[in-house]
Amino acid sequence: MEGIRFVTDEKGKKVAVQLDLERYGELWEDLYDQILLEQRAHEKSEPFEAVEKRLIRQGKLRRG
């Protein structure tokens, strides 16, 4: 495919890919977002309200 190059090891096994970001930049962003989601899937989450209260207490956020 034009704009996509595979990097291979000495045995010819594909180990990486290079994308033309001019052509596939949006696709790369979607793929990158998906990778981040999968990596963070098991992270503990915190309710928005708790974060908001903490930031207000720390003086980093004001109620509007």
PDB file of N, CA and C in Angstrom:
ATOM      1  N   MET A   1       0.841  -1.185   0.000  1.00  0.00           N
ATOM      2  CA  MET A   1       0.000   0.000   0.000  1.00  0.00           C
ATOM      3  C   MET A   1       0.879   1.238   0.000  1.00  0.00           C
ATOM      4  N   GLU A   2       0.454   2.211  -0.726  1.00  0.00           N
ATOM      5  CA  GLU A   2       1.198   3.461  -0.785  1.00  0.00           C
ATOM      6  C   GLU A   2       1.072   4.193   0.551  1.00  0.00           C
ATOM      7  N   GLY A   3       2.200   4.677   1.070  1.00  0.00           N
ATOM      8  CA  GLY A   3       2.195   5.414   2.327  1.00  0.00           C
ATOM      9  C   GLY A   3       2.364   4.549   3.557  1.00  0.00           C
ATOM     10  N   ILE A   4       2.518   3.237   3.359  1.00  0.00           N
ATOM     11  CA  ILE A   4       2.726   2.319   4.478  1.00  0.00           C
ATOM     12  C   ILE A   4       3.958   1.475   4.174  1.00  0.00           C
ATOM     13  N   ARG A   5       4.889   1.448   5.119  1.00  0.00           N
ATOM     14  CA  ARG A   5       6.114   0.639   4.961  1.00  0.00           C
ATOM     15  C   ARG A   5       6.279  -0.246   6.184  1.00  0.00           C
ATOM     16  N   PHE A   6       6.610  -1.489   5.946  1.00  0.00           N
ATOM     17  CA  PHE A   6       6.869  -2.408   7.041  1.00  0.00           C
ATOM     18  C   PHE A   6       8.367  -2.498   7.281  1.00  0.00           C
ATOM     19  N   VAL A   7       8.747  -2.525   8.536  1.00  0.00           N
ATOM     20  CA  VAL A   7      10.137  -2.706   8.933  1.00  0.00           C
ATOM     21  C   VAL A   7      10.271  -4.170   9.323  1.00  0.00           C
ATOM     22  N   THR A   8      11.278  -4.820   8.791  1.00  0.00           N
ATOM     23  CA  THR A   8      11.465  -6.251   9.069  1.00  0.00           C
ATOM     24  C   THR A   8      12.796  -6.496   9.767  1.00  0.00           C
ATOM     25  N   ASP A   9      12.854  -7.616  10.480  1.00  0.00           N
ATOM     26  CA  ASP A   9      14.115  -8.005  11.105  1.00  0.00           C
ATOM     27  C   ASP A   9      14.956  -8.785  10.097  1.00  0.00           C
ATOM     28  N   GLU A  10      16.084  -9.306  10.564  1.00  0.00           N
ATOM     29  CA  GLU A  10      16.995 -10.003   9.656  1.00  0.00           C
ATOM     30  C   GLU A  10      16.407 -11.287   9.084  1.00  0.00           C
ATOM     31  N   LYS A  11      15.342 -11.799   9.686  1.00  0.00           N
ATOM     32  CA  LYS A  11      14.680 -13.009   9.181  1.00  0.00           C
ATOM     33  C   LYS A  11      13.490 -12.688   8.281  1.00  0.00           C
ATOM     34  N   GLY A  12      13.229 -11.403   8.065  1.00  0.00           N
ATOM     35  CA  GLY A  12      12.127 -10.989   7.221  1.00  0.00           C
ATOM     36  C   GLY A  12      10.797 -10.871   7.954  1.00  0.00           C
ATOM     37  N   LYS A  13      10.816 -11.025   9.274  1.00  0.00           N
ATOM     38  CA  LYS A  13       9.592 -10.904  10.072  1.00  0.00           C
ATOM     39  C   LYS A  13       9.260  -9.427  10.263  1.00  0.00           C
ATOM     40  N   LYS A  14       7.982  -9.072  10.046  1.00  0.00           N
ATOM     41  CA  LYS A  14       7.554  -7.694  10.235  1.00  0.00           C
ATOM     42  C   LYS A  14       7.582  -7.364  11.718  1.00  0.00           C
ATOM     43  N   VAL A  15       8.291  -6.274  12.064  1.00  0.00           N
ATOM     44  CA  VAL A  15       8.424  -5.890  13.474  1.00  0.00           C
ATOM     45  C   VAL A  15       7.910  -4.478  13.759  1.00  0.00           C
ATOM     46  N   ALA A  16       7.657  -3.705  12.716  1.00  0.00           N
ATOM     47  CA  ALA A  16       7.184  -2.334  12.901  1.00  0.00           C
ATOM     48  C   ALA A  16       6.567  -1.861  11.594  1.00  0.00           C
ATOM     49  N   VAL A  17       5.893  -0.724  11.684  1.00  0.00           N
ATOM     50  CA  VAL A  17       5.284  -0.139  10.498  1.00  0.00           C
ATOM     51  C   VAL A  17       5.521   1.376  10.512  1.00  0.00           C
ATOM     52  N   GLN A  18       5.706   1.927   9.337  1.00  0.00           N
ATOM     53  CA  GLN A  18       5.820   3.367   9.181  1.00  0.00           C
ATOM     54  C   GLN A  18       4.623   3.837   8.372  1.00  0.00           C
ATOM     55  N   LEU A  19       3.944   4.867   8.888  1.00  0.00           N
ATOM     56  CA  LEU A  19       2.782   5.418   8.188  1.00  0.00           C
ATOM     57  C   LEU A  19       3.081   6.829   7.724  1.00  0.00           C
ATOM     58  N   ASP A  20       2.640   7.152   6.538  1.00  0.00           N
ATOM     59  CA  ASP A  20       2.694   8.518   6.040  1.00  0.00           C
ATOM     60  C   ASP A  20       1.598   9.286   6.778  1.00  0.00           C
ATOM     61  N   LEU A  21       1.988  10.159   7.699  1.00  0.00           N
ATOM     62  CA  LEU A  21       1.013  10.858   8.518  1.00  0.00           C
ATOM     63  C   LEU A  21       0.215  11.894   7.733  1.00  0.00           C
ATOM     64  N   GLU A  22       0.753  12.375   6.636  1.00  0.00           N
ATOM     65  CA  GLU A  22      -0.022  13.267   5.771  1.00  0.00           C
ATOM     66  C   GLU A  22      -1.251  12.518   5.251  1.00  0.00           C
ATOM     67  N   ARG A  23      -1.045  11.272   4.950  1.00  0.00           N
ATOM     68  CA  ARG A  23      -2.104  10.462   4.346  1.00  0.00           C
ATOM     69  C   ARG A  23      -2.955   9.733   5.391  1.00  0.00           C
ATOM     70  N   TYR A  24      -2.315   9.220   6.444  1.00  0.00           N
ATOM     71  CA  TYR A  24      -3.001   8.367   7.407  1.00  0.00           C
ATOM     72  C   TYR A  24      -2.990   8.925   8.832  1.00  0.00           C
ATOM     73  N   GLY A  25      -2.809  10.230   8.967  1.00  0.00           N
ATOM     74  CA  GLY A  25      -2.720  10.838  10.289  1.00  0.00           C
ATOM     75  C   GLY A  25      -3.948  10.604  11.152  1.00  0.00           C
ATOM     76  N   GLU A  26      -5.141  10.749  10.590  1.00  0.00           N
ATOM     77  CA  GLU A  26      -6.365  10.546  11.368  1.00  0.00           C
ATOM     78  C   GLU A  26      -6.500   9.084  11.791  1.00  0.00           C
ATOM     79  N   LEU A  27      -6.162   8.183  10.906  1.00  0.00           N
ATOM     80  CA  LEU A  27      -6.213   6.756  11.235  1.00  0.00           C
ATOM     81  C   LEU A  27      -5.245   6.446  12.371  1.00  0.00           C
ATOM     82  N   TRP A  28      -4.034   7.033  12.303  1.00  0.00           N
ATOM     83  CA  TRP A  28      -3.057   6.811  13.368  1.00  0.00           C
ATOM     84  C   TRP A  28      -3.590   7.317  14.699  1.00  0.00           C
ATOM     85  N   GLU A  29      -4.219   8.488  14.718  1.00  0.00           N
ATOM     86  CA  GLU A  29      -4.760   9.030  15.967  1.00  0.00           C
ATOM     87  C   GLU A  29      -5.811   8.098  16.556  1.00  0.00           C
ATOM     88  N   ASP A  30      -6.667   7.554  15.709  1.00  0.00           N
ATOM     89  CA  ASP A  30      -7.684   6.604  16.185  1.00  0.00           C
ATOM     90  C   ASP A  30      -7.036   5.346  16.745  1.00  0.00           C
ATOM     91  N   LEU A  31      -6.049   4.837  16.044  1.00  0.00           N
ATOM     92  CA  LEU A  31      -5.345   3.633  16.496  1.00  0.00           C
ATOM     93  C   LEU A  31      -4.629   3.897  17.818  1.00  0.00           C
ATOM     94  N   TYR A  32      -3.976   5.027  17.924  1.00  0.00           N
ATOM     95  CA  TYR A  32      -3.257   5.392  19.152  1.00  0.00           C
ATOM     96  C   TYR A  32      -4.221   5.525  20.332  1.00  0.00           C
ATOM     97  N   ASP A  33      -5.374   6.168  20.095  1.00  0.00           N
ATOM     98  CA  ASP A  33      -6.389   6.286  21.147  1.00  0.00           C
ATOM     99  C   ASP A  33      -6.855   4.912  21.620  1.00  0.00           C
ATOM    100  N   GLN A  34      -7.047   3.996  20.684  1.00  0.00           N
ATOM    101  CA  GLN A  34      -7.484   2.647  21.034  1.00  0.00           C
ATOM    102  C   GLN A  34      -6.424   1.927  21.868  1.00  0.00           C
ATOM    103  N   ILE A  35      -5.176   2.101  21.517  1.00  0.00           N
ATOM    104  CA  ILE A  35      -4.082   1.486  22.279  1.00  0.00           C
ATOM    105  C   ILE A  35      -4.081   2.026  23.708  1.00  0.00           C
ATOM    106  N   LEU A  36      -4.237   3.340  23.859  1.00  0.00           N
ATOM    107  CA  LEU A  36      -4.283   3.935  25.199  1.00  0.00           C
ATOM    108  C   LEU A  36      -5.469   3.410  25.999  1.00  0.00           C
ATOM    109  N   LEU A  37      -6.628   3.303  25.360  1.00  0.00           N
ATOM    110  CA  LEU A  37      -7.806   2.774  26.051  1.00  0.00           C
ATOM    111  C   LEU A  37      -7.564   1.369  26.572  1.00  0.00           C
ATOM    112  N   GLU A  38      -6.964   0.538  25.747  1.00  0.00           N
ATOM    113  CA  GLU A  38      -6.694  -0.836  26.161  1.00  0.00           C
ATOM    114  C   GLU A  38      -5.684  -0.890  27.308  1.00  0.00           C
ATOM    115  N   GLN A  39      -4.680  -0.033  27.263  1.00  0.00           N
ATOM    116  CA  GLN A  39      -3.686  -0.011  28.330  1.00  0.00           C
ATOM    117  C   GLN A  39      -4.287   0.447  29.654  1.00  0.00           C
ATOM    118  N   ARG A  40      -5.265   1.339  29.584  1.00  0.00           N
ATOM    119  CA  ARG A  40      -5.836   1.927  30.791  1.00  0.00           C
ATOM    120  C   ARG A  40      -7.133   1.251  31.234  1.00  0.00           C
ATOM    121  N   ALA A  41      -7.529   0.194  30.570  1.00  0.00           N
ATOM    122  CA  ALA A  41      -8.820  -0.446  30.829  1.00  0.00           C
ATOM    123  C   ALA A  41      -8.978  -0.908  32.274  1.00  0.00           C
ATOM    124  N   HIS A  42      -7.895  -1.283  32.906  1.00  0.00           N
ATOM    125  CA  HIS A  42      -7.983  -1.833  34.263  1.00  0.00           C
ATOM    126  C   HIS A  42      -7.550  -0.848  35.342  1.00  0.00           C
ATOM    127  N   GLU A  43      -7.310   0.403  34.937  1.00  0.00           N
ATOM    128  CA  GLU A  43      -6.940   1.405  35.930  1.00  0.00           C
ATOM    129  C   GLU A  43      -8.154   1.755  36.794  1.00  0.00           C
ATOM    130  N   LYS A  44      -7.871   2.033  38.035  1.00  0.00           N
ATOM    131  CA  LYS A  44      -8.929   2.447  38.944  1.00  0.00           C
ATOM    132  C   LYS A  44      -9.451   3.810  38.502  1.00  0.00           C
ATOM    133  N   SER A  45     -10.768   3.955  38.501  1.00  0.00           N
ATOM    134  CA  SER A  45     -11.351   5.242  38.127  1.00  0.00           C
ATOM    135  C   SER A  45     -11.899   5.946  39.362  1.00  0.00           C
ATOM    136  N   GLU A  46     -12.131   7.230  39.206  1.00  0.00           N
ATOM    137  CA  GLU A  46     -12.618   8.053  40.304  1.00  0.00           C
ATOM    138  C   GLU A  46     -13.790   8.881  39.783  1.00  0.00           C
ATOM    139  N   PRO A  47     -14.882   8.961  40.524  1.00  0.00           N
ATOM    140  CA  PRO A  47     -16.022   9.751  40.057  1.00  0.00           C
ATOM    141  C   PRO A  47     -15.647  11.219  39.836  1.00  0.00           C
ATOM    142  N   PHE A  48     -16.253  11.814  38.830  1.00  0.00           N
ATOM    143  CA  PHE A  48     -15.981  13.214  38.501  1.00  0.00           C
ATOM    144  C   PHE A  48     -16.193  14.126  39.704  1.00  0.00           C
ATOM    145  N   GLU A  49     -17.258  13.885  40.451  1.00  0.00           N
ATOM    146  CA  GLU A  49     -17.586  14.732  41.597  1.00  0.00           C
ATOM    147  C   GLU A  49     -16.458  14.717  42.643  1.00  0.00           C
ATOM    148  N   ALA A  50     -15.859  13.557  42.860  1.00  0.00           N
ATOM    149  CA  ALA A  50     -14.765  13.449  43.824  1.00  0.00           C
ATOM    150  C   ALA A  50     -13.541  14.227  43.346  1.00  0.00           C
ATOM    151  N   VAL A  51     -13.251  14.122  42.062  1.00  0.00           N
ATOM    152  CA  VAL A  51     -12.115  14.859  41.491  1.00  0.00           C
ATOM    153  C   VAL A  51     -12.375  16.353  41.585  1.00  0.00           C
ATOM    154  N   GLU A  52     -13.582  16.755  41.249  1.00  0.00           N
ATOM    155  CA  GLU A  52     -13.944  18.172  41.307  1.00  0.00           C
ATOM    156  C   GLU A  52     -13.778  18.724  42.726  1.00  0.00           C
ATOM    157  N   LYS A  53     -14.280  18.013  43.725  1.00  0.00           N
ATOM    158  CA  LYS A  53     -14.162  18.460  45.120  1.00  0.00           C
ATOM    159  C   LYS A  53     -12.690  18.576  45.542  1.00  0.00           C
ATOM    160  N   ARG A  54     -11.898  17.590  45.158  1.00  0.00           N
ATOM    161  CA  ARG A  54     -10.479  17.618  45.514  1.00  0.00           C
ATOM    162  C   ARG A  54      -9.780  18.823  44.892  1.00  0.00           C
ATOM    163  N   LEU A  55     -10.059  19.100  43.627  1.00  0.00           N
ATOM    164  CA  LEU A  55      -9.424  20.231  42.949  1.00  0.00           C
ATOM    165  C   LEU A  55      -9.863  21.566  43.554  1.00  0.00           C
ATOM    166  N   ILE A  56     -11.108  21.657  43.971  1.00  0.00           N
ATOM    167  CA  ILE A  56     -11.589  22.881  44.632  1.00  0.00           C
ATOM    168  C   ILE A  56     -10.860  23.063  45.958  1.00  0.00           C
ATOM    169  N   ARG A  57     -10.748  21.982  46.742  1.00  0.00           N
ATOM    170  CA  ARG A  57     -10.027  22.054  48.030  1.00  0.00           C
ATOM    171  C   ARG A  57      -8.578  22.476  47.836  1.00  0.00           C
ATOM    172  N   GLN A  58      -7.965  22.015  46.771  1.00  0.00           N
ATOM    173  CA  GLN A  58      -6.563  22.338  46.496  1.00  0.00           C
ATOM    174  C   GLN A  58      -6.396  23.721  45.862  1.00  0.00           C
ATOM    175  N   GLY A  59      -7.495  24.390  45.591  1.00  0.00           N
ATOM    176  CA  GLY A  59      -7.422  25.720  44.987  1.00  0.00           C
ATOM    177  C   GLY A  59      -7.093  25.709  43.501  1.00  0.00           C
ATOM    178  N   LYS A  60      -7.255  24.555  42.868  1.00  0.00           N
ATOM    179  CA  LYS A  60      -6.930  24.442  41.435  1.00  0.00           C
ATOM    180  C   LYS A  60      -8.159  24.600  40.547  1.00  0.00           C
ATOM    181  N   LEU A  61      -9.332  24.717  41.192  1.00  0.00           N
ATOM    182  CA  LEU A  61     -10.566  24.834  40.433  1.00  0.00           C
ATOM    183  C   LEU A  61     -11.551  25.662  41.250  1.00  0.00           C
ATOM    184  N   ARG A  62     -12.295  26.497  40.550  1.00  0.00           N
ATOM    185  CA  ARG A  62     -13.350  27.274  41.195  1.00  0.00           C
ATOM    186  C   ARG A  62     -14.691  26.840  40.649  1.00  0.00           C
ATOM    187  N   ARG A  63     -15.669  26.844  41.498  1.00  0.00           N
ATOM    188  CA  ARG A  63     -17.020  26.538  41.013  1.00  0.00           C
ATOM    189  C   ARG A  63     -17.524  27.720  40.224  1.00  0.00           C
ATOM    190  N   GLY A  64     -18.166  27.414  39.113  1.00  0.00           N
ATOM    191  CA  GLY A  64     -18.655  28.483  38.244  1.00  0.00           C
ATOM    192  C   GLY A  64     -20.056  28.618  38.317  1.00  0.00           C
TER     193      GLY A  64
END
